[in-house]
Amino acid sequence: MRTYKRKTTRGAVTIDRMKEAAEKVLEHSRSCRSVAKHFGICHVTLMRFVHKLKMSGGATVTEGKGI
């Protein structure tokens, strides 16, 4: 393979955008699916992020290489 071409958008969502979406879920008591659809994020990823926030009190998520 000469030039790598990314095939997925996994890891493309910024931490700030995830925090904003999680805030809507936690503080405004909206469903994860509706918020994820509004922000264009995978609902499973958002649920995982919200769960980490609830368990640790703050998200300690490492950013990948992303796009």
PDB file of N, CA and C in Angstrom:
ATOM      1  N   MET A   1       0.846  -1.158   0.000  1.00  0.00           N
ATOM      2  CA  MET A   1       0.000   0.000   0.000  1.00  0.00           C
ATOM      3  C   MET A   1       0.902   1.234   0.000  1.00  0.00           C
ATOM      4  N   ARG A   2       0.713   2.092  -0.953  1.00  0.00           N
ATOM      5  CA  ARG A   2       1.572   3.265  -1.063  1.00  0.00           C
ATOM      6  C   ARG A   2       1.116   4.402  -0.160  1.00  0.00           C
ATOM      7  N   THR A   3      -0.121   4.787  -0.292  1.00  0.00           N
ATOM      8  CA  THR A   3      -0.645   5.896   0.488  1.00  0.00           C
ATOM      9  C   THR A   3      -1.840   5.402   1.284  1.00  0.00           C
ATOM     10  N   TYR A   4      -1.765   5.577   2.606  1.00  0.00           N
ATOM     11  CA  TYR A   4      -2.848   5.121   3.470  1.00  0.00           C
ATOM     12  C   TYR A   4      -4.057   6.035   3.308  1.00  0.00           C
ATOM     13  N   LYS A   5      -5.228   5.433   3.153  1.00  0.00           N
ATOM     14  CA  LYS A   5      -6.465   6.182   3.088  1.00  0.00           C
ATOM     15  C   LYS A   5      -7.382   5.684   4.201  1.00  0.00           C
ATOM     16  N   ARG A   6      -7.714   6.568   5.098  1.00  0.00           N
ATOM     17  CA  ARG A   6      -8.568   6.207   6.217  1.00  0.00           C
ATOM     18  C   ARG A   6      -9.944   5.797   5.715  1.00  0.00           C
ATOM     19  N   LYS A   7     -10.470   4.701   6.277  1.00  0.00           N
ATOM     20  CA  LYS A   7     -11.727   4.152   5.794  1.00  0.00           C
ATOM     21  C   LYS A   7     -12.901   4.397   6.739  1.00  0.00           C
ATOM     22  N   THR A   8     -12.627   4.837   7.947  1.00  0.00           N
ATOM     23  CA  THR A   8     -13.700   5.092   8.905  1.00  0.00           C
ATOM     24  C   THR A   8     -13.554   6.492   9.477  1.00  0.00           C
ATOM     25  N   THR A   9     -14.578   6.908  10.199  1.00  0.00           N
ATOM     26  CA  THR A   9     -14.527   8.198  10.880  1.00  0.00           C
ATOM     27  C   THR A   9     -14.363   8.002  12.389  1.00  0.00           C
ATOM     28  N   ARG A  10     -13.960   6.819  12.782  1.00  0.00           N
ATOM     29  CA  ARG A  10     -13.793   6.514  14.198  1.00  0.00           C
ATOM     30  C   ARG A  10     -12.722   7.419  14.804  1.00  0.00           C
ATOM     31  N   GLY A  11     -13.022   8.010  15.943  1.00  0.00           N
ATOM     32  CA  GLY A  11     -12.069   8.881  16.618  1.00  0.00           C
ATOM     33  C   GLY A  11     -12.044  10.289  16.073  1.00  0.00           C
ATOM     34  N   ALA A  12     -12.986  10.643  15.219  1.00  0.00           N
ATOM     35  CA  ALA A  12     -12.986  11.964  14.596  1.00  0.00           C
ATOM     36  C   ALA A  12     -13.702  13.007  15.447  1.00  0.00           C
ATOM     37  N   VAL A  13     -14.446  12.586  16.464  1.00  0.00           N
ATOM     38  CA  VAL A  13     -15.193  13.508  17.304  1.00  0.00           C
ATOM     39  C   VAL A  13     -14.254  14.078  18.364  1.00  0.00           C
ATOM     40  N   THR A  14     -14.261  15.395  18.519  1.00  0.00           N
ATOM     41  CA  THR A  14     -13.372  16.030  19.488  1.00  0.00           C
ATOM     42  C   THR A  14     -13.903  15.848  20.904  1.00  0.00           C
ATOM     43  N   ILE A  15     -13.001  15.960  21.861  1.00  0.00           N
ATOM     44  CA  ILE A  15     -13.372  15.822  23.275  1.00  0.00           C
ATOM     45  C   ILE A  15     -14.359  16.913  23.680  1.00  0.00           C
ATOM     46  N   ASP A  16     -14.161  18.121  23.179  1.00  0.00           N
ATOM     47  CA  ASP A  16     -15.063  19.230  23.519  1.00  0.00           C
ATOM     48  C   ASP A  16     -16.491  18.952  23.055  1.00  0.00           C
ATOM     49  N   ARG A  17     -16.616  18.401  21.870  1.00  0.00           N
ATOM     50  CA  ARG A  17     -17.944  18.071  21.335  1.00  0.00           C
ATOM     51  C   ARG A  17     -18.597  16.953  22.149  1.00  0.00           C
ATOM     52  N   MET A  18     -17.792  15.969  22.559  1.00  0.00           N
ATOM     53  CA  MET A  18     -18.320  14.882  23.386  1.00  0.00           C
ATOM     54  C   MET A  18     -18.772  15.413  24.747  1.00  0.00           C
ATOM     55  N   LYS A  19     -17.990  16.315  25.330  1.00  0.00           N
ATOM     56  CA  LYS A  19     -18.367  16.893  26.630  1.00  0.00           C
ATOM     57  C   LYS A  19     -19.648  17.696  26.521  1.00  0.00           C
ATOM     58  N   GLU A  20     -19.794  18.439  25.433  1.00  0.00           N
ATOM     59  CA  GLU A  20     -21.000  19.223  25.216  1.00  0.00           C
ATOM     60  C   GLU A  20     -22.221  18.313  25.084  1.00  0.00           C
ATOM     61  N   ALA A  21     -22.076  17.231  24.355  1.00  0.00           N
ATOM     62  CA  ALA A  21     -23.177  16.283  24.181  1.00  0.00           C
ATOM     63  C   ALA A  21     -23.503  15.586  25.497  1.00  0.00           C
ATOM     64  N   ALA A  22     -22.471  15.204  26.251  1.00  0.00           N
ATOM     65  CA  ALA A  22     -22.688  14.535  27.538  1.00  0.00           C
ATOM     66  C   ALA A  22     -23.371  15.466  28.527  1.00  0.00           C
ATOM     67  N   GLU A  23     -23.055  16.750  28.457  1.00  0.00           N
ATOM     68  CA  GLU A  23     -23.698  17.728  29.334  1.00  0.00           C
ATOM     69  C   GLU A  23     -25.194  17.795  29.058  1.00  0.00           C
ATOM     70  N   LYS A  24     -25.559  17.735  27.784  1.00  0.00           N
ATOM     71  CA  LYS A  24     -26.987  17.745  27.432  1.00  0.00           C
ATOM     72  C   LYS A  24     -27.685  16.515  28.008  1.00  0.00           C
ATOM     73  N   VAL A  25     -27.008  15.374  27.975  1.00  0.00           N
ATOM     74  CA  VAL A  25     -27.601  14.135  28.483  1.00  0.00           C
ATOM     75  C   VAL A  25     -27.751  14.210  29.997  1.00  0.00           C
ATOM     76  N   LEU A  26     -26.695  14.640  30.691  1.00  0.00           N
ATOM     77  CA  LEU A  26     -26.698  14.615  32.152  1.00  0.00           C
ATOM     78  C   LEU A  26     -27.499  15.751  32.777  1.00  0.00           C
ATOM     79  N   GLU A  27     -27.300  16.973  32.311  1.00  0.00           N
ATOM     80  CA  GLU A  27     -27.926  18.124  32.961  1.00  0.00           C
ATOM     81  C   GLU A  27     -29.327  18.421  32.452  1.00  0.00           C
ATOM     82  N   HIS A  28     -29.579  18.129  31.193  1.00  0.00           N
ATOM     83  CA  HIS A  28     -30.888  18.434  30.626  1.00  0.00           C
ATOM     84  C   HIS A  28     -31.763  17.196  30.508  1.00  0.00           C
ATOM     85  N   SER A  29     -31.273  16.085  31.024  1.00  0.00           N
ATOM     86  CA  SER A  29     -31.967  14.790  31.054  1.00  0.00           C
ATOM     87  C   SER A  29     -32.611  14.424  29.718  1.00  0.00           C
ATOM     88  N   ARG A  30     -31.811  14.511  28.658  1.00  0.00           N
ATOM     89  CA  ARG A  30     -32.256  14.057  27.344  1.00  0.00           C
ATOM     90  C   ARG A  30     -31.672  12.684  27.087  1.00  0.00           C
ATOM     91  N   SER A  31     -32.258  11.962  26.155  1.00  0.00           N
ATOM     92  CA  SER A  31     -31.784  10.609  25.880  1.00  0.00           C
ATOM     93  C   SER A  31     -30.484  10.649  25.085  1.00  0.00           C
ATOM     94  N   CYS A  32     -29.665   9.628  25.282  1.00  0.00           N
ATOM     95  CA  CYS A  32     -28.381   9.535  24.580  1.00  0.00           C
ATOM     96  C   CYS A  32     -28.586   9.455  23.078  1.00  0.00           C
ATOM     97  N   ARG A  33     -29.575   8.716  22.663  1.00  0.00           N
ATOM     98  CA  ARG A  33     -29.804   8.540  21.230  1.00  0.00           C
ATOM     99  C   ARG A  33     -30.208   9.839  20.547  1.00  0.00           C
ATOM    100  N   SER A  34     -31.090  10.610  21.182  1.00  0.00           N
ATOM    101  CA  SER A  34     -31.530  11.860  20.550  1.00  0.00           C
ATOM    102  C   SER A  34     -30.396  12.878  20.494  1.00  0.00           C
ATOM    103  N   VAL A  35     -29.593  12.948  21.555  1.00  0.00           N
ATOM    104  CA  VAL A  35     -28.462  13.878  21.583  1.00  0.00           C
ATOM    105  C   VAL A  35     -27.414  13.449  20.557  1.00  0.00           C
ATOM    106  N   ALA A  36     -27.142  12.150  20.489  1.00  0.00           N
ATOM    107  CA  ALA A  36     -26.158  11.644  19.543  1.00  0.00           C
ATOM    108  C   ALA A  36     -26.592  11.929  18.105  1.00  0.00           C
ATOM    109  N   LYS A  37     -27.863  11.780  17.835  1.00  0.00           N
ATOM    110  CA  LYS A  37     -28.379  12.060  16.495  1.00  0.00           C
ATOM    111  C   LYS A  37     -28.229  13.543  16.167  1.00  0.00           C
ATOM    112  N   HIS A  38     -28.504  14.404  17.154  1.00  0.00           N
ATOM    113  CA  HIS A  38     -28.388  15.851  16.965  1.00  0.00           C
ATOM    114  C   HIS A  38     -26.941  16.271  16.694  1.00  0.00           C
ATOM    115  N   PHE A  39     -25.988  15.676  17.413  1.00  0.00           N
ATOM    116  CA  PHE A  39     -24.580  16.041  17.280  1.00  0.00           C
ATOM    117  C   PHE A  39     -23.859  15.249  16.185  1.00  0.00           C
ATOM    118  N   GLY A  40     -24.492  14.223  15.647  1.00  0.00           N
ATOM    119  CA  GLY A  40     -23.863  13.412  14.610  1.00  0.00           C
ATOM    120  C   GLY A  40     -22.790  12.489  15.166  1.00  0.00           C
ATOM    121  N   ILE A  41     -23.027  11.971  16.371  1.00  0.00           N
ATOM    122  CA  ILE A  41     -22.093  11.090  17.067  1.00  0.00           C
ATOM    123  C   ILE A  41     -22.730   9.714  17.182  1.00  0.00           C
ATOM    124  N   CYS A  42     -21.920   8.678  17.238  1.00  0.00           N
ATOM    125  CA  CYS A  42     -22.429   7.331  17.478  1.00  0.00           C
ATOM    126  C   CYS A  42     -23.026   7.270  18.886  1.00  0.00           C
ATOM    127  N   HIS A  43     -24.243   6.733  19.016  1.00  0.00           N
ATOM    128  CA  HIS A  43     -24.904   6.719  20.319  1.00  0.00           C
ATOM    129  C   HIS A  43     -24.186   5.827  21.330  1.00  0.00           C
ATOM    130  N   VAL A  44     -23.550   4.773  20.866  1.00  0.00           N
ATOM    131  CA  VAL A  44     -22.833   3.875  21.767  1.00  0.00           C
ATOM    132  C   VAL A  44     -21.596   4.579  22.341  1.00  0.00           C
ATOM    133  N   THR A  45     -20.900   5.330  21.517  1.00  0.00           N
ATOM    134  CA  THR A  45     -19.739   6.082  21.967  1.00  0.00           C
ATOM    135  C   THR A  45     -20.152   7.121  23.001  1.00  0.00           C
ATOM    136  N   LEU A  46     -21.266   7.799  22.751  1.00  0.00           N
ATOM    137  CA  LEU A  46     -21.764   8.798  23.700  1.00  0.00           C
ATOM    138  C   LEU A  46     -22.170   8.141  25.011  1.00  0.00           C
ATOM    139  N   MET A  47     -22.843   6.995  24.950  1.00  0.00           N
ATOM    140  CA  MET A  47     -23.229   6.292  26.177  1.00  0.00           C
ATOM    141  C   MET A  47     -22.005   5.879  26.981  1.00  0.00           C
ATOM    142  N   ARG A  48     -20.976   5.405  26.306  1.00  0.00           N
ATOM    143  CA  ARG A  48     -19.741   5.010  26.970  1.00  0.00           C
ATOM    144  C   ARG A  48     -19.079   6.213  27.643  1.00  0.00           C
ATOM    145  N   PHE A  49     -19.068   7.355  26.977  1.00  0.00           N
ATOM    146  CA  PHE A  49     -18.475   8.576  27.511  1.00  0.00           C
ATOM    147  C   PHE A  49     -19.257   9.064  28.727  1.00  0.00           C
ATOM    148  N   VAL A  50     -20.584   9.038  28.641  1.00  0.00           N
ATOM    149  CA  VAL A  50     -21.435   9.468  29.765  1.00  0.00           C
ATOM    150  C   VAL A  50     -21.220   8.540  30.953  1.00  0.00           C
ATOM    151  N   HIS A  51     -21.113   7.250  30.693  1.00  0.00           N
ATOM    152  CA  HIS A  51     -20.882   6.288  31.766  1.00  0.00           C
ATOM    153  C   HIS A  51     -19.550   6.567  32.467  1.00  0.00           C
ATOM    154  N   LYS A  52     -18.509   6.890  31.697  1.00  0.00           N
ATOM    155  CA  LYS A  52     -17.210   7.225  32.282  1.00  0.00           C
ATOM    156  C   LYS A  52     -17.308   8.486  33.128  1.00  0.00           C
ATOM    157  N   LEU A  53     -18.089   9.464  32.674  1.00  0.00           N
ATOM    158  CA  LEU A  53     -18.267  10.691  33.443  1.00  0.00           C
ATOM    159  C   LEU A  53     -18.956  10.407  34.773  1.00  0.00           C
ATOM    160  N   LYS A  54     -19.979   9.568  34.733  1.00  0.00           N
ATOM    161  CA  LYS A  54     -20.713   9.234  35.951  1.00  0.00           C
ATOM    162  C   LYS A  54     -19.840   8.476  36.945  1.00  0.00           C
ATOM    163  N   MET A  55     -19.041   7.550  36.447  1.00  0.00           N
ATOM    164  CA  MET A  55     -18.239   6.699  37.325  1.00  0.00           C
ATOM    165  C   MET A  55     -17.047   7.438  37.938  1.00  0.00           C
ATOM    166  N   SER A  56     -16.391   8.290  37.170  1.00  0.00           N
ATOM    167  CA  SER A  56     -15.156   8.904  37.660  1.00  0.00           C
ATOM    168  C   SER A  56     -15.336  10.347  38.112  1.00  0.00           C
ATOM    169  N   GLY A  57     -16.446  10.960  37.776  1.00  0.00           N
ATOM    170  CA  GLY A  57     -16.630  12.352  38.131  1.00  0.00           C
ATOM    171  C   GLY A  57     -16.029  13.298  37.105  1.00  0.00           C
ATOM    172  N   GLY A  58     -15.141  12.816  36.268  1.00  0.00           N
ATOM    173  CA  GLY A  58     -14.527  13.605  35.194  1.00  0.00           C
ATOM    174  C   GLY A  58     -13.995  12.649  34.155  1.00  0.00           C
ATOM    175  N   ALA A  59     -14.051  13.045  32.927  1.00  0.00           N
ATOM    176  CA  ALA A  59     -13.614  12.146  31.857  1.00  0.00           C
ATOM    177  C   ALA A  59     -12.102  12.198  31.703  1.00  0.00           C
ATOM    178  N   THR A  60     -11.494  11.050  31.749  1.00  0.00           N
ATOM    179  CA  THR A  60     -10.073  10.962  31.475  1.00  0.00           C
ATOM    180  C   THR A  60      -9.899  10.140  30.217  1.00  0.00           C
ATOM    181  N   VAL A  61     -10.330  10.725  29.129  1.00  0.00           N
ATOM    182  CA  VAL A  61     -10.310  10.040  27.856  1.00  0.00           C
ATOM    183  C   VAL A  61      -9.106  10.510  27.077  1.00  0.00           C
ATOM    184  N   THR A  62      -8.359   9.566  26.538  1.00  0.00           N
ATOM    185  CA  THR A  62      -7.189   9.934  25.747  1.00  0.00           C
ATOM    186  C   THR A  62      -7.599  10.092  24.303  1.00  0.00           C
ATOM    187  N   GLU A  63      -7.079  11.116  23.669  1.00  0.00           N
ATOM    188  CA  GLU A  63      -7.383  11.328  22.271  1.00  0.00           C
ATOM    189  C   GLU A  63      -6.497  10.485  21.405  1.00  0.00           C
ATOM    190  N   GLY A  64      -7.095   9.855  20.415  1.00  0.00           N
ATOM    191  CA  GLY A  64      -6.321   9.068  19.470  1.00  0.00           C
ATOM    192  C   GLY A  64      -5.730   9.969  18.402  1.00  0.00           C
ATOM    193  N   LYS A  65      -5.240   9.359  17.368  1.00  0.00           N
ATOM    194  CA  LYS A  65      -4.649  10.141  16.281  1.00  0.00           C
ATOM    195  C   LYS A  65      -5.707  10.925  15.538  1.00  0.00           C
ATOM    196  N   GLY A  66      -6.902  10.337  15.403  1.00  0.00           N
ATOM    197  CA  GLY A  66      -8.003  11.039  14.744  1.00  0.00           C
ATOM    198  C   GLY A  66      -7.675  11.414  13.315  1.00  0.00           C
ATOM    199  N   ILE A  67      -8.405  12.390  12.830  1.00  0.00           N
ATOM    200  CA  ILE A  67      -8.170  12.835  11.450  1.00  0.00           C
ATOM    201  C   ILE A  67      -7.325  14.076  11.472  1.00  0.00           C
TER     202      ILE A  67
END
